[in-house]
PDB file of N, CA and C in Angstrom:
ATOM      1  N   UNK A   1       0.723  -1.205  -0.632  1.00  0.00           N
ATOM      2  CA  UNK A   1       0.340   0.411   0.291  1.00  0.00           C
ATOM      3  C   UNK A   1       0.870   1.514   0.012  1.00  0.00           C
ATOM      4  N   UNK A   2       0.488   2.112  -0.638  1.00  0.00           N
ATOM      5  CA  UNK A   2       1.487   3.821  -1.082  1.00  0.00           C
ATOM      6  C   UNK A   2       1.093   4.264   0.094  1.00  0.00           C
ATOM      7  N   UNK A   3       2.378   4.714   0.703  1.00  0.00           N
ATOM      8  CA  UNK A   3       1.886   5.921   2.447  1.00  0.00           C
ATOM      9  C   UNK A   3       1.454   6.985   1.935  1.00  0.00           C
ATOM     10  N   UNK A   4       1.468   7.223   0.217  1.00  0.00           N
ATOM     11  CA  UNK A   4       0.465   8.643   0.355  1.00  0.00           C
ATOM     12  C   UNK A   4      -1.015   8.466   0.384  1.00  0.00           C
ATOM     13  N   UNK A   5      -1.242   7.056  -0.083  1.00  0.00           N
ATOM     14  CA  UNK A   5      -3.050   7.027  -0.008  1.00  0.00           C
ATOM     15  C   UNK A   5      -3.148   6.381   1.575  1.00  0.00           C
ATOM     16  N   UNK A   6      -2.147   6.031   2.181  1.00  0.00           N
ATOM     17  CA  UNK A   6      -2.398   5.591   4.170  1.00  0.00           C
ATOM     18  C   UNK A   6      -2.553   6.702   4.781  1.00  0.00           C
ATOM     19  N   UNK A   7      -1.884   8.113   4.221  1.00  0.00           N
ATOM     20  CA  UNK A   7      -1.707   9.293   4.897  1.00  0.00           C
ATOM     21  C   UNK A   7      -3.072  10.110   4.343  1.00  0.00           C
ATOM     22  N   UNK A   8      -3.567   9.833   3.018  1.00  0.00           N
ATOM     23  CA  UNK A   8      -4.523  10.521   2.835  1.00  0.00           C
ATOM     24  C   UNK A   8      -6.443   9.538   3.361  1.00  0.00           C
ATOM     25  N   UNK A   9      -5.552   8.595   3.097  1.00  0.00           N
ATOM     26  CA  UNK A   9      -7.228   7.745   3.779  1.00  0.00           C
ATOM     27  C   UNK A   9      -7.087   7.857   5.683  1.00  0.00           C
ATOM     28  N   UNK A  10      -5.904   7.902   6.097  1.00  0.00           N
ATOM     29  CA  UNK A  10      -6.032   8.448   7.596  1.00  0.00           C
ATOM     30  C   UNK A  10      -7.059   9.882   8.399  1.00  0.00           C
ATOM     31  N   UNK A  11      -6.095  10.137   7.085  1.00  0.00           N
ATOM     32  CA  UNK A  11      -6.507  12.303   7.502  1.00  0.00           C
ATOM     33  C   UNK A  11      -8.059  11.757   7.187  1.00  0.00           C
ATOM     34  N   UNK A  12      -8.361  11.575   5.927  1.00  0.00           N
ATOM     35  CA  UNK A  12     -10.060  11.398   5.618  1.00  0.00           C
ATOM     36  C   UNK A  12     -10.693  10.861   6.331  1.00  0.00           C
ATOM     37  N   UNK A  13     -10.312  10.365   7.385  1.00  0.00           N
ATOM     38  CA  UNK A  13     -11.332   9.402   8.405  1.00  0.00           C
ATOM     39  C   UNK A  13     -11.061  10.376   9.553  1.00  0.00           C
ATOM     40  N   UNK A  14     -10.358  10.686   9.771  1.00  0.00           N
ATOM     41  CA  UNK A  14     -10.076  11.474  10.869  1.00  0.00           C
ATOM     42  C   UNK A  14     -11.115  12.778  10.567  1.00  0.00           C
ATOM     43  N   UNK A  15     -10.942  13.260   9.651  1.00  0.00           N
ATOM     44  CA  UNK A  15     -11.704  14.740   9.500  1.00  0.00           C
ATOM     45  C   UNK A  15     -12.680  14.485   9.503  1.00  0.00           C
ATOM     46  N   UNK A  16     -13.648  13.305   8.759  1.00  0.00           N
ATOM     47  CA  UNK A  16     -15.230  12.691   8.883  1.00  0.00           C
ATOM     48  C   UNK A  16     -15.597  12.331  10.506  1.00  0.00           C
ATOM     49  N   UNK A  17     -14.470  12.010  11.056  1.00  0.00           N
ATOM     50  CA  UNK A  17     -14.776  11.738  12.364  1.00  0.00           C
ATOM     51  C   UNK A  17     -15.278  12.540  13.280  1.00  0.00           C
ATOM     52  N   UNK A  18     -14.552  13.989  13.298  1.00  0.00           N
ATOM     53  CA  UNK A  18     -14.437  15.050  13.700  1.00  0.00           C
ATOM     54  C   UNK A  18     -15.531  15.884  13.223  1.00  0.00           C
ATOM     55  N   UNK A  19     -15.989  15.646  11.539  1.00  0.00           N
ATOM     56  CA  UNK A  19     -17.696  16.392  11.570  1.00  0.00           C
ATOM     57  C   UNK A  19     -18.249  15.134  12.199  1.00  0.00           C
ATOM     58  N   UNK A  20     -18.741  14.068  12.280  1.00  0.00           N
ATOM     59  CA  UNK A  20     -19.417  13.663  12.677  1.00  0.00           C
ATOM     60  C   UNK A  20     -19.427  13.604  14.214  1.00  0.00           C
ATOM     61  N   UNK A  21     -18.673  13.996  14.639  1.00  0.00           N
ATOM     62  CA  UNK A  21     -18.506  13.771  16.825  1.00  0.00           C
ATOM     63  C   UNK A  21     -19.966  15.372  16.466  1.00  0.00           C
ATOM     64  N   UNK A  22     -19.634  16.552  15.649  1.00  0.00           N
ATOM     65  CA  UNK A  22     -19.790  17.896  15.418  1.00  0.00           C
ATOM     66  C   UNK A  22     -21.205  17.493  15.112  1.00  0.00           C
ATOM     67  N   UNK A  23     -21.442  16.673  14.646  1.00  0.00           N
ATOM     68  CA  UNK A  23     -23.088  16.566  13.742  1.00  0.00           C
ATOM     69  C   UNK A  23     -23.803  15.582  15.192  1.00  0.00           C
ATOM     70  N   UNK A  24     -23.163  15.076  15.952  1.00  0.00           N
ATOM     71  CA  UNK A  24     -24.241  14.541  16.733  1.00  0.00           C
ATOM     72  C   UNK A  24     -23.836  15.062  18.297  1.00  0.00           C
ATOM     73  N   UNK A  25     -23.047  16.728  18.047  1.00  0.00           N
ATOM     74  CA  UNK A  25     -23.255  17.166  19.566  1.00  0.00           C
ATOM     75  C   UNK A  25     -22.321  16.823  20.063  1.00  0.00           C
ATOM     76  N   UNK A  26     -21.506  16.165  19.850  1.00  0.00           N
ATOM     77  CA  UNK A  26     -20.818  15.556  21.467  1.00  0.00           C
ATOM     78  C   UNK A  26     -19.465  16.249  21.168  1.00  0.00           C
ATOM     79  N   UNK A  27     -19.081  17.208  19.819  1.00  0.00           N
ATOM     80  CA  UNK A  27     -18.089  18.127  20.115  1.00  0.00           C
ATOM     81  C   UNK A  27     -18.347  19.217  19.749  1.00  0.00           C
ATOM     82  N   UNK A  28     -18.189  20.607  20.062  1.00  0.00           N
ATOM     83  CA  UNK A  28     -18.630  21.693  19.354  1.00  0.00           C
ATOM     84  C   UNK A  28     -17.636  22.271  18.562  1.00  0.00           C
ATOM     85  N   UNK A  29     -18.356  23.085  17.329  1.00  0.00           N
ATOM     86  CA  UNK A  29     -17.033  23.609  16.264  1.00  0.00           C
ATOM     87  C   UNK A  29     -15.925  24.094  16.791  1.00  0.00           C
ATOM     88  N   UNK A  30     -16.137  25.424  18.235  1.00  0.00           N
ATOM     89  CA  UNK A  30     -15.058  25.809  18.220  1.00  0.00           C
ATOM     90  C   UNK A  30     -14.175  25.049  18.697  1.00  0.00           C
ATOM     91  N   UNK A  31     -14.199  23.713  19.404  1.00  0.00           N
ATOM     92  CA  UNK A  31     -13.002  22.952  19.569  1.00  0.00           C
ATOM     93  C   UNK A  31     -12.758  21.949  18.423  1.00  0.00           C
ATOM     94  N   UNK A  32     -13.371  21.988  17.778  1.00  0.00           N
ATOM     95  CA  UNK A  32     -13.476  21.175  16.603  1.00  0.00           C
ATOM     96  C   UNK A  32     -12.343  21.436  15.508  1.00  0.00           C
ATOM     97  N   UNK A  33     -12.229  23.364  15.498  1.00  0.00           N
ATOM     98  CA  UNK A  33     -11.467  23.477  14.135  1.00  0.00           C
ATOM     99  C   UNK A  33     -10.583  23.121  13.582  1.00  0.00           C
ATOM    100  N   UNK A  34      -9.652  23.188  15.363  1.00  0.00           N
ATOM    101  CA  UNK A  34      -8.234  23.007  15.192  1.00  0.00           C
ATOM    102  C   UNK A  34      -8.486  21.718  14.394  1.00  0.00           C
ATOM    103  N   UNK A  35      -8.789  20.386  15.341  1.00  0.00           N
ATOM    104  CA  UNK A  35      -8.744  19.082  14.864  1.00  0.00           C
ATOM    105  C   UNK A  35      -9.058  19.027  12.959  1.00  0.00           C
ATOM    106  N   UNK A  36     -10.168  19.783  12.630  1.00  0.00           N
ATOM    107  CA  UNK A  36     -10.368  19.614  11.121  1.00  0.00           C
ATOM    108  C   UNK A  36      -9.177  20.441  10.539  1.00  0.00           C
ATOM    109  N   UNK A  37      -8.740  21.510  11.019  1.00  0.00           N
ATOM    110  CA  UNK A  37      -7.688  21.892  10.368  1.00  0.00           C
ATOM    111  C   UNK A  37      -6.504  21.100   9.754  1.00  0.00           C
ATOM    112  N   UNK A  38      -6.086  20.387  11.142  1.00  0.00           N
ATOM    113  CA  UNK A  38      -4.605  19.468  11.277  1.00  0.00           C
ATOM    114  C   UNK A  38      -4.818  18.735  10.279  1.00  0.00           C
ATOM    115  N   UNK A  39      -6.214  17.692  10.420  1.00  0.00           N
ATOM    116  CA  UNK A  39      -6.767  16.587   9.210  1.00  0.00           C
ATOM    117  C   UNK A  39      -6.625  17.268   8.354  1.00  0.00           C
ATOM    118  N   UNK A  40      -7.068  17.986   7.487  1.00  0.00           N
ATOM    119  CA  UNK A  40      -6.836  18.831   6.304  1.00  0.00           C
ATOM    120  C   UNK A  40      -5.749  19.124   5.866  1.00  0.00           C
ATOM    121  N   UNK A  41      -4.746  19.272   6.812  1.00  0.00           N
ATOM    122  CA  UNK A  41      -3.228  19.443   6.162  1.00  0.00           C
ATOM    123  C   UNK A  41      -2.489  17.800   5.990  1.00  0.00           C
ATOM    124  N   UNK A  42      -3.165  17.486   6.689  1.00  0.00           N
ATOM    125  CA  UNK A  42      -2.715  15.770   6.152  1.00  0.00           C
ATOM    126  C   UNK A  42      -3.012  15.597   5.130  1.00  0.00           C
ATOM    127  N   UNK A  43      -4.293  15.889   5.084  1.00  0.00           N
ATOM    128  CA  UNK A  43      -4.721  15.657   3.450  1.00  0.00           C
ATOM    129  C   UNK A  43      -3.552  16.159   1.964  1.00  0.00           C
ATOM    130  N   UNK A  44      -3.762  17.412   2.686  1.00  0.00           N
ATOM    131  CA  UNK A  44      -2.713  18.725   1.834  1.00  0.00           C
ATOM    132  C   UNK A  44      -1.222  18.096   1.554  1.00  0.00           C
ATOM    133  N   UNK A  45      -0.682  17.863   2.246  1.00  0.00           N
ATOM    134  CA  UNK A  45       0.718  17.438   2.026  1.00  0.00           C
ATOM    135  C   UNK A  45       0.745  15.401   1.522  1.00  0.00           C
ATOM    136  N   UNK A  46       0.047  15.174   2.010  1.00  0.00           N
ATOM    137  CA  UNK A  46      -0.189  13.668   1.678  1.00  0.00           C
ATOM    138  C   UNK A  46      -0.167  13.612  -0.425  1.00  0.00           C
ATOM    139  N   UNK A  47      -1.301  14.514  -0.770  1.00  0.00           N
ATOM    140  CA  UNK A  47      -1.460  14.520  -2.249  1.00  0.00           C
ATOM    141  C   UNK A  47      -0.075  15.329  -2.796  1.00  0.00           C
ATOM    142  N   UNK A  48      -0.276  16.702  -2.197  1.00  0.00           N
ATOM    143  CA  UNK A  48       1.195  17.496  -2.394  1.00  0.00           C
ATOM    144  C   UNK A  48       2.413  17.473  -2.176  1.00  0.00           C
ATOM    145  N   UNK A  49       2.971  16.290  -1.826  1.00  0.00           N
ATOM    146  CA  UNK A  49       4.058  15.038  -0.917  1.00  0.00           C
ATOM    147  C   UNK A  49       5.673  16.483  -1.547  1.00  0.00           C
ATOM    148  N   UNK A  50       5.270  16.796  -2.770  1.00  0.00           N
ATOM    149  CA  UNK A  50       6.563  17.634  -2.972  1.00  0.00           C
ATOM    150  C   UNK A  50       6.466  18.919  -2.531  1.00  0.00           C
ATOM    151  N   UNK A  51       5.517  19.401  -2.692  1.00  0.00           N
ATOM    152  CA  UNK A  51       5.546  20.695  -1.511  1.00  0.00           C
ATOM    153  C   UNK A  51       6.040  20.290  -0.052  1.00  0.00           C
ATOM    154  N   UNK A  52       5.843  19.094   0.407  1.00  0.00           N
ATOM    155  CA  UNK A  52       6.642  18.972   1.515  1.00  0.00           C
ATOM    156  C   UNK A  52       7.954  18.961   1.746  1.00  0.00           C
ATOM    157  N   UNK A  53       8.391  18.749   0.572  1.00  0.00           N
ATOM    158  CA  UNK A  53       9.795  17.738   1.025  1.00  0.00           C
ATOM    159  C   UNK A  53      10.549  19.500   0.441  1.00  0.00           C
ATOM    160  N   UNK A  54       9.917  20.516  -0.447  1.00  0.00           N
ATOM    161  CA  UNK A  54      10.766  21.839  -0.468  1.00  0.00           C
ATOM    162  C   UNK A  54      10.184  22.548   0.544  1.00  0.00           C
ATOM    163  N   UNK A  55       9.629  22.464   0.855  1.00  0.00           N
ATOM    164  CA  UNK A  55       9.218  23.020   2.717  1.00  0.00           C
ATOM    165  C   UNK A  55      10.002  23.380   3.287  1.00  0.00           C
ATOM    166  N   UNK A  56      10.221  21.347   3.697  1.00  0.00           N
ATOM    167  CA  UNK A  56      11.310  21.161   4.624  1.00  0.00           C
ATOM    168  C   UNK A  56      12.579  21.342   4.433  1.00  0.00           C
ATOM    169  N   UNK A  57      12.710  21.267   3.261  1.00  0.00           N
ATOM    170  CA  UNK A  57      13.889  21.982   3.147  1.00  0.00           C
ATOM    171  C   UNK A  57      14.750  23.631   3.100  1.00  0.00           C
ATOM    172  N   UNK A  58      13.374  24.164   2.539  1.00  0.00           N
ATOM    173  CA  UNK A  58      13.719  25.532   2.866  1.00  0.00           C
ATOM    174  C   UNK A  58      13.482  26.064   4.497  1.00  0.00           C
ATOM    175  N   UNK A  59      12.919  24.995   5.372  1.00  0.00           N
ATOM    176  CA  UNK A  59      12.727  26.047   6.734  1.00  0.00           C
ATOM    177  C   UNK A  59      14.647  24.638   7.498  1.00  0.00           C
ATOM    178  N   UNK A  60      15.182  24.150   6.741  1.00  0.00           N
ATOM    179  CA  UNK A  60      16.570  24.173   7.322  1.00  0.00           C
ATOM    180  C   UNK A  60      16.639  22.048   7.868  1.00  0.00           C
ATOM    181  N   UNK A  61      15.363  21.297   7.409  1.00  0.00           N
ATOM    182  CA  UNK A  61      15.216  20.197   8.022  1.00  0.00           C
ATOM    183  C   UNK A  61      16.253  19.266   6.995  1.00  0.00           C
ATOM    184  N   UNK A  62      16.474  18.690   6.854  1.00  0.00           N
ATOM    185  CA  UNK A  62      17.498  17.559   6.230  1.00  0.00           C
ATOM    186  C   UNK A  62      16.403  16.882   5.477  1.00  0.00           C
ATOM    187  N   UNK A  63      15.260  15.897   6.827  1.00  0.00           N
ATOM    188  CA  UNK A  63      14.266  15.152   6.295  1.00  0.00           C
ATOM    189  C   UNK A  63      12.850  15.417   6.805  1.00  0.00           C
ATOM    190  N   UNK A  64      12.017  15.232   5.106  1.00  0.00           N
ATOM    191  CA  UNK A  64      10.576  15.809   5.685  1.00  0.00           C
ATOM    192  C   UNK A  64      10.306  14.893   7.082  1.00  0.00           C
ATOM    193  N   UNK A  65      10.681  13.948   6.779  1.00  0.00           N
ATOM    194  CA  UNK A  65       9.534  13.028   8.996  1.00  0.00           C
ATOM    195  C   UNK A  65      10.541  14.029   9.927  1.00  0.00           C
ATOM    196  N   UNK A  66      11.273  14.652   9.960  1.00  0.00           N
ATOM    197  CA  UNK A  66      11.619  15.372  10.877  1.00  0.00           C
ATOM    198  C   UNK A  66      10.813  16.567  11.159  1.00  0.00           C
ATOM    199  N   UNK A  67      10.589  17.271   9.586  1.00  0.00           N
ATOM    200  CA  UNK A  67      10.055  18.433   9.595  1.00  0.00           C
ATOM    201  C   UNK A  67       8.531  18.119  10.344  1.00  0.00           C
ATOM    202  N   UNK A  68       8.076  16.833  10.347  1.00  0.00           N
ATOM    203  CA  UNK A  68       6.320  16.448  10.031  1.00  0.00           C
ATOM    204  C   UNK A  68       6.469  16.376  11.710  1.00  0.00           C
ATOM    205  N   UNK A  69       7.528  15.873  12.716  1.00  0.00           N
ATOM    206  CA  UNK A  69       7.558  15.187  13.667  1.00  0.00           C
ATOM    207  C   UNK A  69       7.287  16.644  14.545  1.00  0.00           C
ATOM    208  N   UNK A  70       8.125  17.339  14.047  1.00  0.00           N
ATOM    209  CA  UNK A  70       8.457  18.717  14.609  1.00  0.00           C
ATOM    210  C   UNK A  70       7.029  19.318  14.655  1.00  0.00           C
ATOM    211  N   UNK A  71       6.321  19.841  12.984  1.00  0.00           N
ATOM    212  CA  UNK A  71       5.323  20.270  13.385  1.00  0.00           C
ATOM    213  C   UNK A  71       3.871  19.888  13.765  1.00  0.00           C
ATOM    214  N   UNK A  72       4.016  18.585  14.036  1.00  0.00           N
ATOM    215  CA  UNK A  72       2.751  17.695  14.890  1.00  0.00           C
ATOM    216  C   UNK A  72       3.052  18.266  16.569  1.00  0.00           C
ATOM    217  N   UNK A  73       4.601  18.658  16.966  1.00  0.00           N
ATOM    218  CA  UNK A  73       4.539  18.299  18.429  1.00  0.00           C
ATOM    219  C   UNK A  73       4.179  19.970  18.450  1.00  0.00           C
ATOM    220  N   UNK A  74       4.236  20.801  18.035  1.00  0.00           N
ATOM    221  CA  UNK A  74       4.478  22.191  17.801  1.00  0.00           C
ATOM    222  C   UNK A  74       2.583  22.210  17.639  1.00  0.00           C
ATOM    223  N   UNK A  75       2.046  21.551  16.918  1.00  0.00           N
ATOM    224  CA  UNK A  75       0.172  21.986  16.957  1.00  0.00           C
ATOM    225  C   UNK A  75       0.352  21.449  17.817  1.00  0.00           C
ATOM    226  N   UNK A  76       0.242  20.108  18.372  1.00  0.00           N
ATOM    227  CA  UNK A  76      -0.380  19.675  19.896  1.00  0.00           C
ATOM    228  C   UNK A  76       0.313  20.166  21.062  1.00  0.00           C
ATOM    229  N   UNK A  77       0.709  20.717  21.048  1.00  0.00           N
ATOM    230  CA  UNK A  77       1.564  21.681  22.521  1.00  0.00           C
ATOM    231  C   UNK A  77       0.307  22.776  21.945  1.00  0.00           C
ATOM    232  N   UNK A  78       0.214  23.775  21.262  1.00  0.00           N
ATOM    233  CA  UNK A  78      -1.128  24.505  21.002  1.00  0.00           C
ATOM    234  C   UNK A  78      -2.253  24.029  21.198  1.00  0.00           C
ATOM    235  N   UNK A  79      -2.246  23.142  20.950  1.00  0.00           N
ATOM    236  CA  UNK A  79      -3.834  22.394  21.264  1.00  0.00           C
ATOM    237  C   UNK A  79      -3.654  22.041  22.756  1.00  0.00           C
ATOM    238  N   UNK A  80      -2.866  21.668  23.084  1.00  0.00           N
ATOM    239  CA  UNK A  80      -2.782  21.668  24.897  1.00  0.00           C
ATOM    240  C   UNK A  80      -3.026  22.842  25.400  1.00  0.00           C
ATOM    241  N   UNK A  81      -1.979  23.605  25.234  1.00  0.00           N
ATOM    242  CA  UNK A  81      -2.365  24.867  25.738  1.00  0.00           C
ATOM    243  C   UNK A  81      -4.093  25.710  25.033  1.00  0.00           C
ATOM    244  N   UNK A  82      -4.112  25.295  24.133  1.00  0.00           N
ATOM    245  CA  UNK A  82      -5.467  26.450  23.653  1.00  0.00           C
ATOM    246  C   UNK A  82      -6.779  25.652  25.041  1.00  0.00           C
ATOM    247  N   UNK A  83      -6.351  24.313  25.008  1.00  0.00           N
ATOM    248  CA  UNK A  83      -7.221  23.651  25.102  1.00  0.00           C
ATOM    249  C   UNK A  83      -7.574  23.623  26.855  1.00  0.00           C
ATOM    250  N   UNK A  84      -5.958  23.511  27.712  1.00  0.00           N
ATOM    251  CA  UNK A  84      -5.990  24.542  28.922  1.00  0.00           C
ATOM    252  C   UNK A  84      -6.947  25.929  29.246  1.00  0.00           C
ATOM    253  N   UNK A  85      -6.715  26.653  28.330  1.00  0.00           N
ATOM    254  CA  UNK A  85      -7.516  27.552  28.584  1.00  0.00           C
ATOM    255  C   UNK A  85      -8.775  27.870  28.364  1.00  0.00           C
ATOM    256  N   UNK A  86      -9.236  26.796  27.547  1.00  0.00           N
ATOM    257  CA  UNK A  86     -10.685  26.860  27.847  1.00  0.00           C
ATOM    258  C   UNK A  86     -11.149  26.110  29.267  1.00  0.00           C
ATOM    259  N   UNK A  87     -10.352  25.319  29.434  1.00  0.00           N
ATOM    260  CA  UNK A  87     -10.127  23.815  30.744  1.00  0.00           C
ATOM    261  C   UNK A  87     -10.866  25.447  32.297  1.00  0.00           C
ATOM    262  N   UNK A  88      -9.995  25.997  32.117  1.00  0.00           N
ATOM    263  CA  UNK A  88      -9.671  27.553  32.863  1.00  0.00           C
ATOM    264  C   UNK A  88     -11.089  28.337  32.763  1.00  0.00           C
ATOM    265  N   UNK A  89     -11.569  28.619  31.630  1.00  0.00           N
ATOM    266  CA  UNK A  89     -12.693  29.227  31.289  1.00  0.00           C
ATOM    267  C   UNK A  89     -13.654  28.519  31.730  1.00  0.00           C
ATOM    268  N   UNK A  90     -13.698  27.669  31.789  1.00  0.00           N
ATOM    269  CA  UNK A  90     -14.886  26.300  32.289  1.00  0.00           C
ATOM    270  C   UNK A  90     -15.146  26.740  33.368  1.00  0.00           C
ATOM    271  N   UNK A  91     -13.701  26.632  34.592  1.00  0.00           N
ATOM    272  CA  UNK A  91     -13.423  26.648  35.737  1.00  0.00           C
ATOM    273  C   UNK A  91     -14.365  27.639  36.455  1.00  0.00           C
ATOM    274  N   UNK A  92     -13.932  29.168  35.904  1.00  0.00           N
ATOM    275  CA  UNK A  92     -14.352  29.614  36.625  1.00  0.00           C
ATOM    276  C   UNK A  92     -15.816  29.832  36.301  1.00  0.00           C
ATOM    277  N   UNK A  93     -16.101  29.751  35.212  1.00  0.00           N
ATOM    278  CA  UNK A  93     -17.746  29.434  35.256  1.00  0.00           C
ATOM    279  C   UNK A  93     -18.170  28.398  35.771  1.00  0.00           C
ATOM    280  N   UNK A  94     -18.147  28.284  36.359  1.00  0.00           N
ATOM    281  CA  UNK A  94     -18.174  26.588  37.317  1.00  0.00           C
ATOM    282  C   UNK A  94     -18.173  27.097  38.700  1.00  0.00           C
ATOM    283  N   UNK A  95     -16.856  28.259  39.257  1.00  0.00           N
ATOM    284  CA  UNK A  95     -17.503  28.437  40.506  1.00  0.00           C
ATOM    285  C   UNK A  95     -18.481  29.517  40.426  1.00  0.00           C
ATOM    286  N   UNK A  96     -18.337  30.042  39.390  1.00  0.00           N
ATOM    287  CA  UNK A  96     -19.671  31.523  39.579  1.00  0.00           C
ATOM    288  C   UNK A  96     -21.182  30.908  39.706  1.00  0.00           C
ATOM    289  N   UNK A  97     -21.486  29.992  38.645  1.00  0.00           N
ATOM    290  CA  UNK A  97     -22.558  29.766  38.753  1.00  0.00           C
ATOM    291  C   UNK A  97     -22.531  28.802  40.330  1.00  0.00           C
ATOM    292  N   UNK A  98     -21.632  28.115  41.054  1.00  0.00           N
ATOM    293  CA  UNK A  98     -21.972  27.960  42.562  1.00  0.00           C
ATOM    294  C   UNK A  98     -21.952  28.670  43.367  1.00  0.00           C
ATOM    295  N   UNK A  99     -21.668  29.545  43.063  1.00  0.00           N
ATOM    296  CA  UNK A  99     -21.864  30.977  43.768  1.00  0.00           C
ATOM    297  C   UNK A  99     -22.903  31.804  43.604  1.00  0.00           C
ATOM    298  N   UNK A 100     -23.368  31.205  42.679  1.00  0.00           N
ATOM    299  CA  UNK A 100     -24.938  32.164  42.166  1.00  0.00           C
ATOM    300  C   UNK A 100     -26.623  30.915  43.139  1.00  0.00           C
ATOM    301  N   UNK A 101     -25.762  29.787  42.472  1.00  0.00           N
ATOM    302  CA  UNK A 101     -26.527  28.783  43.249  1.00  0.00           C
ATOM    303  C   UNK A 101     -26.354  28.890  44.954  1.00  0.00           C
ATOM    304  N   UNK A 102     -25.362  29.065  45.426  1.00  0.00           N
ATOM    305  CA  UNK A 102     -25.430  29.514  47.023  1.00  0.00           C
ATOM    306  C   UNK A 102     -26.583  30.364  47.341  1.00  0.00           C
ATOM    307  N   UNK A 103     -26.240  31.558  46.625  1.00  0.00           N
ATOM    308  CA  UNK A 103     -26.841  32.944  47.047  1.00  0.00           C
ATOM    309  C   UNK A 103     -28.169  32.823  47.199  1.00  0.00           C
ATOM    310  N   UNK A 104     -28.858  31.858  45.735  1.00  0.00           N
ATOM    311  CA  UNK A 104     -30.615  31.765  45.093  1.00  0.00           C
ATOM    312  C   UNK A 104     -30.948  30.860  46.750  1.00  0.00           C
ATOM    313  N   UNK A 105     -29.554  29.906  46.857  1.00  0.00           N
ATOM    314  CA  UNK A 105     -30.901  29.075  48.011  1.00  0.00           C
ATOM    315  C   UNK A 105     -30.603  29.682  49.224  1.00  0.00           C
ATOM    316  N   UNK A 106     -29.828  30.242  49.432  1.00  0.00           N
ATOM    317  CA  UNK A 106     -29.349  31.337  50.858  1.00  0.00           C
ATOM    318  C   UNK A 106     -30.993  31.807  50.631  1.00  0.00           C
ATOM    319  N   UNK A 107     -31.417  33.097  49.865  1.00  0.00           N
ATOM    320  CA  UNK A 107     -32.428  34.154  49.477  1.00  0.00           C
ATOM    321  C   UNK A 107     -34.021  33.012  49.527  1.00  0.00           C
ATOM    322  N   UNK A 108     -33.956  31.664  49.005  1.00  0.00           N
ATOM    323  CA  UNK A 108     -35.330  30.842  49.242  1.00  0.00           C
ATOM    324  C   UNK A 108     -35.327  30.988  50.598  1.00  0.00           C
ATOM    325  N   UNK A 109     -34.312  30.500  51.372  1.00  0.00           N
ATOM    326  CA  UNK A 109     -33.846  30.216  52.635  1.00  0.00           C
ATOM    327  C   UNK A 109     -34.907  30.846  53.312  1.00  0.00           C
ATOM    328  N   UNK A 110     -34.366  32.293  53.172  1.00  0.00           N
ATOM    329  CA  UNK A 110     -35.168  33.674  54.198  1.00  0.00           C
ATOM    330  C   UNK A 110     -36.516  34.147  53.672  1.00  0.00           C
ATOM    331  N   UNK A 111     -36.552  33.595  51.694  1.00  0.00           N
ATOM    332  CA  UNK A 111     -38.188  33.694  51.808  1.00  0.00           C
ATOM    333  C   UNK A 111     -38.730  32.767  52.668  1.00  0.00           C
ATOM    334  N   UNK A 112     -38.558  31.547  52.858  1.00  0.00           N
ATOM    335  CA  UNK A 112     -39.329  31.034  53.765  1.00  0.00           C
ATOM    336  C   UNK A 112     -39.753  30.516  55.278  1.00  0.00           C
ATOM    337  N   UNK A 113     -38.165  31.812  55.484  1.00  0.00           N
ATOM    338  CA  UNK A 113     -38.224  31.454  56.951  1.00  0.00           C
ATOM    339  C   UNK A 113     -39.670  33.011  57.261  1.00  0.00           C
ATOM    340  N   UNK A 114     -39.508  34.261  56.090  1.00  0.00           N
ATOM    341  CA  UNK A 114     -40.170  35.366  56.376  1.00  0.00           C
ATOM    342  C   UNK A 114     -41.840  34.424  56.232  1.00  0.00           C
ATOM    343  N   UNK A 115     -42.053  33.824  55.502  1.00  0.00           N
ATOM    344  CA  UNK A 115     -43.045  32.992  55.387  1.00  0.00           C
ATOM    345  C   UNK A 115     -44.079  32.659  56.247  1.00  0.00           C
ATOM    346  N   UNK A 116     -42.939  31.611  56.677  1.00  0.00           N
ATOM    347  CA  UNK A 116     -43.287  31.328  57.906  1.00  0.00           C
ATOM    348  C   UNK A 116     -43.386  31.360  59.211  1.00  0.00           C
ATOM    349  N   UNK A 117     -43.402  33.259  59.018  1.00  0.00           N
ATOM    350  CA  UNK A 117     -43.580  34.034  60.367  1.00  0.00           C
ATOM    351  C   UNK A 117     -45.216  34.478  59.982  1.00  0.00           C
ATOM    352  N   UNK A 118     -45.395  34.576  58.865  1.00  0.00           N
ATOM    353  CA  UNK A 118     -46.745  35.163  58.422  1.00  0.00           C
ATOM    354  C   UNK A 118     -47.714  33.864  58.102  1.00  0.00           C
ATOM    355  N   UNK A 119     -47.553  33.014  58.329  1.00  0.00           N
ATOM    356  CA  UNK A 119     -48.560  31.509  57.582  1.00  0.00           C
ATOM    357  C   UNK A 119     -49.881  31.483  58.781  1.00  0.00           C
ATOM    358  N   UNK A 120     -50.440  31.059  58.301  1.00  0.00           N
ATOM    359  CA  UNK A 120     -52.130  30.858  59.365  1.00  0.00           C
ATOM    360  C   UNK A 120     -51.708  29.646  60.153  1.00  0.00           C
ATOM    361  N   UNK A 121     -51.200  28.697  59.652  1.00  0.00           N
ATOM    362  CA  UNK A 121     -50.328  27.441  61.210  1.00  0.00           C
ATOM    363  C   UNK A 121     -50.779  28.437  62.040  1.00  0.00           C
ATOM    364  N   UNK A 122     -49.473  29.511  61.876  1.00  0.00           N
ATOM    365  CA  UNK A 122     -49.021  30.131  63.089  1.00  0.00           C
ATOM    366  C   UNK A 122     -49.565  30.733  64.460  1.00  0.00           C
ATOM    367  N   UNK A 123     -51.039  31.213  63.126  1.00  0.00           N
ATOM    368  CA  UNK A 123     -51.900  32.296  64.296  1.00  0.00           C
ATOM    369  C   UNK A 123     -52.413  32.020  65.081  1.00  0.00           C
ATOM    370  N   UNK A 124     -52.321  30.254  65.158  1.00  0.00           N
ATOM    371  CA  UNK A 124     -53.145  29.797  66.043  1.00  0.00           C
ATOM    372  C   UNK A 124     -53.104  29.005  67.812  1.00  0.00           C
TER     373      UNK A 124
END
């Protein structure tokens, strides 16, 4: 099996898998965009592999495989950083939500106490 065909197949399957996850609402488009770009780049460089050789040589890499590994390392490092930022934002939203829920529970408790002072069963 030709390695270019395998790279196209795997990148295309990854692209379709991410699209399916978005379609089934398992993944939002905001998070899927980076994965779609990585898989599209995989298909692009598998089809235009001579461009990959030229680009790797231009950037000073002796082998295109070294360029691919370096690029994937950088992409996954960037994705990790972005996902960490999203995780921190979600954590802040959860903290705010917990505080708001606690305030609402406190207000409900106070309203119930005020209502119990004026309930007809208490006047008897």
